[in-house]
C-alpha cells in the first residue's frame, strides 16, 4: 500500500490512541519518540496529537541495540518535561530507568514498541477496546489474587513460581496511573514472578525479542529465578551469547503475562504476538517497572503458542484457549 494511503488509513487509529487511550488535551506538551525504522508511525501519532491541540515535538533517536536499553540523555530529559510521551520505537524503552523517572514526574506514556504501519490498521488494533478492557481487567483481578502459578505446554514447558505480593496489571490499551503507561496494540495481563522462586522449563515456540520469529523452539531452564541453560538452534546460541555479554541480572526471569486480544495475530513481531488471546509470554532481564528490584540493561520477551496456565490450581488458560468464563 502506498505511503500516502497508509497515512490515511492510520489516522483513525492514531486519533483514538491520542484522544481516547492517552486522553491528550489541548495545550498539553506531547513528545513523540521514534527512530529511523518507525518514523511513519511516529509521524502519524504526532499528526493526531497536533490535531488534538497539543504542543507536539517529534524526536528521532538512534536505533538501540536491544529492548531495555536506555535512550540518549537528551531524550530522557525530554520525557521528564513532557505531559505525554509516545514511544514509537523499534526497541522498547518501557523497562528503563529513564521511563520510570519520567513516569514518577507525571508523564503519561503511550508505548508502541515495534509497531508497524500495517499493524496500526489491522489485527490487534481492530479489537473492540471496551470489550477487551472488560476481559483484561477480569483476568487481571484473578491474576492479582493468585499466589502460585504453574505453566505447562505440550511442547515441554513446565514451570512453577510464586506471584505472592507481586502486582498484576491490565494492559488494555488505556492509560492507567498505576502502570504509568498504555500499551498498543492492547491486550495482556502481566506481573513479575516473585524473585528467586521460579523453577522449571520454558519452551518458546513463536517469537522472541531481538530474534524475531523462531525457526525452531528455544528451551530455557530456570533455577531459583535465573536462566541456568538454553538449548535449541542458532537462535538459542544467539540468545545465550546476548545474556552472557550483558549484566548480572540479564538471566533473571522478569515477567509472566497472559494475552487477551482475540484479534491479535502471530506475525513474528512481539508487539502483536504476545497480545494474542491464549498465549503467554515470559521475559528475562529487568523487572523494576513491573514492581521488582532486579535492574538490567535488557528486557526480552518470548512467546508460547498453546500453554496451559493454573493460578492456585485453577486453570485459566487451557492449551492456548483463554477460559473467560472462569473470571467474567
Protein backbone atom coordinates (compact mmCIF):
# COMPACT_ATOMS: atom_id res chain seq x y z
CA UNK A 1 0.00 0.00 0.00
CA UNK A 2 1.43 3.45 -0.94
CA UNK A 3 2.72 5.55 1.96
CA UNK A 4 0.02 8.21 1.50
CA UNK A 5 -2.75 5.60 1.64
CA UNK A 6 -1.29 4.07 4.80
CA UNK A 7 -1.17 7.50 6.44
CA UNK A 8 -4.84 7.94 5.59
CA UNK A 9 -5.75 4.52 6.98
CA UNK A 10 -3.71 5.03 10.15
CA UNK A 11 -5.15 8.37 11.16
CA UNK A 12 -8.30 6.86 12.67
CA UNK A 13 -6.29 4.53 14.90
CA UNK A 14 -3.79 7.27 15.77
CA UNK A 15 -6.60 9.65 16.73
CA UNK A 16 -8.13 7.01 19.01
CA UNK A 17 -4.75 6.30 20.63
CA UNK A 18 -4.09 10.01 21.25
CA UNK A 19 -7.54 11.21 22.27
CA UNK A 20 -9.10 8.15 23.91
CA UNK A 21 -6.30 5.92 25.16
CA UNK A 22 -4.00 8.72 26.43
CA UNK A 23 -6.64 11.46 26.80
CA UNK A 24 -4.42 14.17 25.29
CA UNK A 25 -5.84 17.65 25.95
CA UNK A 26 -5.37 20.93 24.05
CA UNK A 27 -2.29 22.77 25.30
CA UNK A 28 -0.52 19.70 26.70
CA UNK A 29 3.10 19.13 25.69
CA UNK A 30 3.44 15.89 23.75
CA UNK A 31 6.73 14.20 22.87
CA UNK A 32 6.75 11.58 20.11
CA UNK A 33 9.92 9.46 20.21
CA UNK A 34 10.77 7.39 17.17
CA UNK A 35 13.73 6.06 15.18
CA UNK A 36 14.63 5.60 11.53
CA UNK A 37 12.60 2.40 11.19
CA UNK A 38 9.40 3.69 12.81
CA UNK A 39 9.17 7.26 11.55
CA UNK A 40 5.93 6.55 9.68
CA UNK A 41 4.05 5.52 12.82
CA UNK A 42 5.66 8.30 14.85
CA UNK A 43 4.72 10.92 12.26
CA UNK A 44 1.10 9.75 12.25
CA UNK A 45 0.84 9.85 16.05
CA UNK A 46 2.40 13.34 16.03
CA UNK A 47 -0.15 14.49 13.46
CA UNK A 48 -3.01 13.21 15.62
CA UNK A 49 -1.56 14.89 18.73
CA UNK A 50 -1.19 18.16 16.87
CA UNK A 51 -4.80 17.89 15.66
CA UNK A 52 -5.89 17.42 19.28
CA UNK A 53 -4.43 20.84 20.08
CA UNK A 54 -1.29 19.62 21.83
CA UNK A 55 2.11 21.29 21.52
CA UNK A 56 3.84 18.42 19.76
CA UNK A 57 7.56 17.68 19.42
CA UNK A 58 8.92 14.71 17.46
CA UNK A 59 12.33 13.26 18.32
CA UNK A 60 14.07 10.78 16.01
CA UNK A 61 16.69 8.97 18.09
CA UNK A 62 19.37 6.45 17.05
CA UNK A 63 18.44 2.78 16.90
CA UNK A 64 19.11 0.99 20.20
CA UNK A 65 20.88 -2.36 20.35
CA UNK A 66 18.22 -4.16 22.38
CA UNK A 67 14.95 -3.87 24.23
CA UNK A 68 15.51 -2.32 27.64
CA UNK A 69 18.49 -0.17 26.62
CA UNK A 70 18.39 3.39 27.94
CA UNK A 71 17.61 6.14 25.41
CA UNK A 72 20.06 9.02 24.87
CA UNK A 73 20.22 11.55 27.73
CA UNK A 74 18.59 14.31 25.69
CA UNK A 75 15.56 12.06 25.03
CA UNK A 76 15.43 11.00 28.70
CA UNK A 77 15.31 14.65 29.81
CA UNK A 78 12.61 15.49 27.25
CA UNK A 79 10.50 12.59 28.56
CA UNK A 80 10.53 14.16 32.03
CA UNK A 81 9.44 17.54 30.65
CA UNK A 82 6.53 16.18 28.59
CA UNK A 83 2.94 15.76 29.74
CA UNK A 84 2.55 12.79 27.39
CA UNK A 85 5.22 10.76 25.60
CA UNK A 86 4.62 8.26 22.82
CA UNK A 87 7.44 5.75 22.20
CA UNK A 88 7.14 4.63 18.56
CA UNK A 89 10.47 2.81 18.54
CA UNK A 90 11.97 -0.40 17.18
CA UNK A 91 13.23 -1.46 20.61
CA UNK A 92 11.19 -0.89 23.75
CA UNK A 93 12.31 1.71 26.28
CA UNK A 94 9.44 0.75 28.60
CA UNK A 95 11.64 -1.11 31.07
CA UNK A 96 14.23 1.62 31.60
CA UNK A 97 15.26 3.95 34.44
CA UNK A 98 14.51 6.90 32.16
CA UNK A 99 10.91 5.90 31.56
CA UNK A 100 10.35 5.18 35.27
CA UNK A 101 11.80 8.55 36.29
CA UNK A 102 9.59 10.41 33.82
CA UNK A 103 6.51 8.48 34.95
CA UNK A 104 7.28 9.40 38.56
CA UNK A 105 7.29 13.05 37.45
CA UNK A 106 3.81 12.59 35.97
CA UNK A 107 4.48 11.89 32.29
CA UNK A 108 1.83 9.66 30.71
CA UNK A 109 3.26 7.13 28.27
CA UNK A 110 1.83 5.52 25.17
CA UNK A 111 4.01 2.53 24.23
CA UNK A 112 4.03 1.50 20.55
CA UNK A 113 7.26 -0.51 20.52
CA UNK A 114 7.88 -2.33 17.26
CA UNK A 115 4.52 -1.28 15.83
CA UNK A 116 4.43 -1.06 12.02
CA UNK A 117 2.13 0.95 9.76
CA UNK A 118 0.30 -2.26 8.81
CA UNK A 119 -0.25 -3.18 12.47
CA UNK A 120 -1.97 0.17 13.02
CA UNK A 121 -4.79 -0.73 10.62
CA UNK A 122 -5.33 -4.49 11.05
CA UNK A 123 -5.10 -7.34 13.54
CA UNK A 124 -4.91 -6.45 17.23
CA UNK A 125 -5.68 -2.75 16.72
CA UNK A 126 -9.12 -3.59 15.25
CA UNK A 127 -10.38 -5.14 18.51
CA UNK A 128 -13.39 -3.82 20.41
CA UNK A 129 -11.43 -1.82 23.00
CA UNK A 130 -14.23 -1.69 25.58
CA UNK A 131 -14.82 -5.46 25.45
CA UNK A 132 -11.08 -6.06 25.62
CA UNK A 133 -10.88 -3.81 28.69
CA UNK A 134 -13.55 -5.95 30.39
CA UNK A 135 -11.72 -9.21 29.60
CA UNK A 136 -8.26 -7.91 30.53
CA UNK A 137 -9.39 -6.38 33.82
CA UNK A 138 -11.25 -9.59 34.72
CA UNK A 139 -8.11 -11.67 34.10
CA UNK A 140 -6.02 -9.11 35.99
CA UNK A 141 -8.24 -9.49 39.04
CA UNK A 142 -7.80 -13.28 39.31
CA UNK A 143 -4.14 -12.95 38.37
CA UNK A 144 -3.57 -10.36 41.08
CA UNK A 145 -5.31 -12.50 43.70
CA UNK A 146 -3.21 -15.60 42.96
CA UNK A 147 -0.19 -16.77 44.92
CA UNK A 148 1.12 -19.68 42.86
CA UNK A 149 1.41 -20.17 39.09
CA UNK A 150 2.15 -23.23 37.02
CA UNK A 151 2.56 -23.09 33.24
CA UNK A 152 2.77 -26.23 31.10
CA UNK A 153 2.58 -27.00 27.39
CA UNK A 154 2.64 -29.98 25.05
CA UNK A 155 5.91 -28.62 23.69
CA UNK A 156 7.63 -29.28 27.04
CA UNK A 157 7.08 -26.22 29.20
CA UNK A 158 6.66 -27.00 32.89
CA UNK A 159 7.50 -24.17 35.25
CA UNK A 160 6.17 -23.08 38.64
CA UNK A 161 6.69 -19.86 40.59
CA UNK A 162 5.16 -17.63 43.21
CA UNK A 163 3.47 -14.29 42.48
CA UNK A 164 2.55 -13.66 46.09
CA UNK A 165 2.83 -9.92 46.68
CA UNK A 166 3.56 -9.21 43.01
CA UNK A 167 1.00 -6.85 41.42
CA UNK A 168 -0.73 -7.84 38.18
CA UNK A 169 -1.68 -5.23 35.59
CA UNK A 170 -4.33 -4.77 32.91
CA UNK A 171 -2.65 -3.52 29.73
CA UNK A 172 -5.88 -2.91 27.81
CA UNK A 173 -4.72 -0.01 25.66
CA UNK A 174 -5.89 2.72 28.02
CA UNK A 175 -3.64 4.77 30.27
CA UNK A 176 -3.80 3.69 33.92
CA UNK A 177 -1.98 5.68 36.58
CA UNK A 178 -0.98 2.51 38.45
CA UNK A 179 1.00 1.26 35.43
CA UNK A 180 2.11 4.69 34.22
CA UNK A 181 1.65 3.75 30.57
CA UNK A 182 -0.71 2.41 27.93
CA UNK A 183 0.47 -0.30 25.56
CA UNK A 184 -0.61 -0.50 21.92
CA UNK A 185 -1.64 -2.87 20.46
CA UNK A 186 -3.58 -3.74 23.61
CA UNK A 187 -4.28 -6.97 25.42
CA UNK A 188 -2.26 -8.58 28.20
CA UNK A 189 -2.14 -9.07 31.95
CA UNK A 190 1.47 -9.12 33.18
CA UNK A 191 3.21 -9.45 36.51
CA UNK A 192 6.70 -10.41 37.64
CA UNK A 193 7.45 -13.80 39.20
CA UNK A 194 8.50 -13.41 42.82
CA UNK A 195 12.26 -13.20 42.74
CA UNK A 196 14.20 -16.47 43.20
CA UNK A 197 11.04 -18.64 43.21
CA UNK A 198 10.81 -19.85 39.60
CA UNK A 199 11.96 -23.37 38.74
CA UNK A 200 11.37 -25.50 35.66
CA UNK A 201 11.44 -25.42 31.87
CA UNK A 202 10.10 -22.90 29.35
CA UNK A 203 9.84 -23.77 25.66
CA UNK A 204 9.42 -20.67 23.47
CA UNK A 205 7.85 -21.65 20.15
CA UNK A 206 6.60 -18.44 18.49
CA UNK A 207 8.95 -15.47 18.68
CA UNK A 208 11.42 -13.69 20.91
CA UNK A 209 12.71 -10.14 21.19
CA UNK A 210 15.92 -9.48 19.25
CA UNK A 211 15.41 -12.79 17.39
CA UNK A 212 12.01 -12.36 15.73
CA UNK A 213 10.06 -15.41 14.57
CA UNK A 214 11.67 -18.59 15.83
CA UNK A 215 12.99 -21.11 13.31
CA UNK A 216 12.83 -23.81 15.98
CA UNK A 217 11.83 -23.85 19.66
CA UNK A 218 14.16 -22.47 22.32
CA UNK A 219 14.25 -24.41 25.60
CA UNK A 220 15.19 -22.42 28.66
CA UNK A 221 15.91 -23.98 32.04
CA UNK A 222 15.20 -21.85 35.10
CA UNK A 223 16.67 -22.48 38.55
CA UNK A 224 15.76 -20.27 41.52
CA UNK A 225 14.59 -17.48 39.24
CA UNK A 226 17.55 -17.37 36.84
CA UNK A 227 18.36 -18.93 33.47
CA UNK A 228 20.62 -21.94 34.00
CA UNK A 229 20.69 -23.35 30.46
CA UNK A 230 19.44 -22.59 26.95
CA UNK A 231 19.06 -25.17 24.18
CA UNK A 232 17.89 -25.03 20.56
CA UNK A 233 19.30 -23.96 17.23
CA UNK A 234 21.32 -20.95 16.15
CA UNK A 235 18.83 -18.51 17.66
CA UNK A 236 19.27 -20.18 21.05
CA UNK A 237 23.02 -19.69 20.67
CA UNK A 238 22.44 -16.02 19.87
CA UNK A 239 20.24 -15.59 22.95
CA UNK A 240 22.75 -17.34 25.19
CA UNK A 241 25.51 -15.09 23.90
CA UNK A 242 23.41 -11.98 24.47
CA UNK A 243 22.77 -12.93 28.11
CA UNK A 244 26.44 -13.75 28.71
CA UNK A 245 27.53 -10.40 27.26
CA UNK A 246 25.05 -8.45 29.36
CA UNK A 247 24.84 -7.71 33.09
CA UNK A 248 24.38 -9.98 36.11
CA UNK A 249 20.56 -9.74 36.03
CA UNK A 250 20.16 -10.44 32.31
CA UNK A 251 19.11 -14.02 33.10
CA UNK A 252 16.54 -13.03 35.71
CA UNK A 253 13.02 -14.33 34.97
CA UNK A 254 11.49 -10.86 34.89
CA UNK A 255 7.92 -11.18 33.63
CA UNK A 256 4.99 -13.52 33.15
CA UNK A 257 1.98 -12.36 31.15
CA UNK A 258 -1.17 -13.75 29.53
CA UNK A 259 -2.54 -12.41 26.24
CA UNK A 260 -6.18 -11.34 25.94
CA UNK A 261 -6.69 -9.92 22.43
CA UNK A 262 -8.72 -12.20 20.11
CA UNK A 263 -7.85 -10.09 17.05
CA UNK A 264 -4.08 -10.31 17.53
CA UNK A 265 -2.15 -12.41 15.02
CA UNK A 266 1.08 -14.37 15.31
CA UNK A 267 3.26 -12.43 12.88
CA UNK A 268 6.74 -12.74 14.38
CA UNK A 269 6.51 -9.28 15.95
CA UNK A 270 6.37 -9.37 19.75
CA UNK A 271 4.31 -6.17 19.89
CA UNK A 272 1.40 -8.18 18.49
CA UNK A 273 2.32 -11.84 19.13
CA UNK A 274 2.28 -11.50 22.91
CA UNK A 275 -1.19 -9.90 22.92
CA UNK A 276 -2.90 -12.85 21.20
CA UNK A 277 -5.60 -14.34 23.40
CA UNK A 278 -4.50 -17.64 24.96
CA UNK A 279 -0.76 -17.13 24.52
CA UNK A 280 1.61 -16.37 27.36
CA UNK A 281 4.99 -14.73 27.37
CA UNK A 282 7.91 -14.67 29.73
CA UNK A 283 10.69 -12.09 29.79
CA UNK A 284 14.23 -12.14 31.09
CA UNK A 285 16.20 -9.20 32.44
CA UNK A 286 14.82 -6.07 34.08
CA UNK A 287 11.69 -6.34 36.26
CA UNK A 288 11.78 -2.95 38.01
CA UNK A 289 8.93 -1.39 36.01
CA UNK A 290 6.74 -4.37 36.98
CA UNK A 291 7.36 -3.89 40.69
CA UNK A 292 10.53 -5.95 41.12
CA UNK A 293 14.02 -4.99 42.29
CA UNK A 294 16.23 -6.56 39.59
CA UNK A 295 17.76 -3.96 37.29
CA UNK A 296 19.17 -4.92 33.90
CA UNK A 297 20.02 -3.27 30.59
CA UNK A 298 17.81 -5.75 28.74
CA UNK A 299 14.21 -6.94 28.88
CA UNK A 300 13.46 -9.63 26.30
CA UNK A 301 10.03 -11.24 25.81
CA UNK A 302 9.40 -14.70 24.37
CA UNK A 303 6.02 -16.17 23.40
CA UNK A 304 4.41 -19.60 23.92
CA UNK A 305 1.66 -20.55 21.47
CA UNK A 306 -0.56 -23.10 23.29
CA UNK A 307 0.14 -23.06 27.04
CA UNK A 308 -1.95 -24.20 29.99
CA UNK A 309 -1.92 -21.85 32.98
CA UNK A 310 -3.02 -22.70 36.51
CA UNK A 311 -3.44 -19.98 39.14
CA UNK A 312 -3.56 -21.53 42.60
CA UNK A 313 -4.58 -24.79 40.92
CA UNK A 314 -7.42 -23.22 38.87
CA UNK A 315 -6.98 -23.43 35.07
CA UNK A 316 -7.48 -20.08 33.33
CA UNK A 317 -5.74 -20.90 30.03
CA UNK A 318 -6.09 -24.39 28.54
CA UNK A 319 -3.97 -25.44 25.55
CA UNK A 320 -3.96 -21.91 24.22
CA UNK A 321 -7.59 -21.04 24.97
CA UNK A 322 -8.34 -18.26 27.45
CA UNK A 323 -11.17 -19.51 29.71
CA UNK A 324 -13.04 -16.21 30.11
CA UNK A 325 -15.93 -18.00 31.79
CA UNK A 326 -13.67 -18.51 34.81
CA UNK A 327 -13.38 -14.80 35.57
CA UNK A 328 -16.19 -12.86 33.82
